[in-house]
Amino acid sequence: MKIIDNVSLKKYNSFNVDSTAKYFVEIENEEQLIELINTYNFASNKYFILGNGTNILFATDFYDGLVIKNNIKHTLNFEFVDNENIIITASSGIDYDILLKEYFKFLNKNNIKTFCGLENLSQIPATVGAAIVQNVGAYSVNQTNFFYKCNTINLLNSNKKSFNKNESCLEYRNSFFKQNPEYFITEVQYLVNTNNKNPILDYSDLTNAVFSNTEPKTIYDYVANIRKNKLPSHIEFHNCGSFFKNPVISENLFNAIIEDHPDIVSFKDNSGMVKLSAAHLIESCNLKGLRIRNVGVSSLHSLFIINYKNATSKEIIIFSEYVSQKVFDKYGIKLVPEVVIVK
């Protein structure tokens, strides 16, 4: 474990924004993390835990603190806890897609056909730990479908604590850990019931799909193909996925909006609220494909903001605020970033 001064973060974020961290360290196990806690004063100094950097935007040219690159990847186990349930234990720095591919190997080896929802999260470019912090989801699935518990180390006092699903407060792109970043997730456990015989096909792109054979890996491959065709690659076009959250509003406000905008795209939320499609709101303002100098809205998917050519974080933030303001002017709805803006 070695803390390095003045490290460029350009290769550590998929927006490809050039920012420099005052201090930078890579952590490969829990022992190194404890050593870091004993070395760096977390109570008095800034810090940021970095996964794959695919959902963040460094807001300044210089981050006046410590960036911790989570490379804890030593554990990935699949175990039967009884005849019906599997526990998946994964280190927090493991790539999500690696977990999924090993999961399918385990299912095939043990001749298991079950649909817990993991298969819907095909090619999510996150680490396992970051997926919990952000409550990552896609295609009608999020972490609450299978999350069991996680283990953490408190950066302020090095205390270890486990959090179950209720304690983790997983909400739409939010969690206890997002609000309390001193809890460094080191390990995650998922609970998979082997009796889930029906795939989760609620999302519109999946509802009408025709599968020659319905296996978990079939769903994964189908979603991967959708993503390939509908979403811009963050490798080819520098982006951080969905820049904005889908707005969640009350039914009363929704009813008022549809009087003037009857074509608005919406989904009923389990809590009785109404979720609106941010992509549709942006498209309806004729912003899809818009480019202003180095930054633009993707022509493939309007929730994706692209850094086309060495844009600064300031340029990206100003452009995103322009998009948000256009939506607000038309609908009276404020778009909130899903991307974590690191200041």
Foldseek 3Di string as FASTA:
>chain_A
DDKDAWAWCQQQALLSATATERIEEEDAALVVLVVVLVVDQPVPFDEAEGASNLQAFAQDNYHDGYYYYYNHFPDWDWDDPDPWKIKTKTWQNAFLQVNVVVVVVVCVVVVFFAALPSLQCAPDGTTNNLLLAQQDDDQPDTPVSWWAKFWWAQSNPRDIDMDGPVRQDDDHRHTPCNVVVRTHTGMTMTMGTRPHNDHRQPGPVRPPDDDPDDGSNSSNVSSVVVCVQQPDDSVVWRWNPQFWAFDWAAPVLVVVQCVVVVPWDWDQDPVRIITGDPQVLLVVLVQQPDDDPQWGQHVRTRRIITRRDNDHSVVVVVVVVVSQVSSCVNRVDGTDTSRHHHD
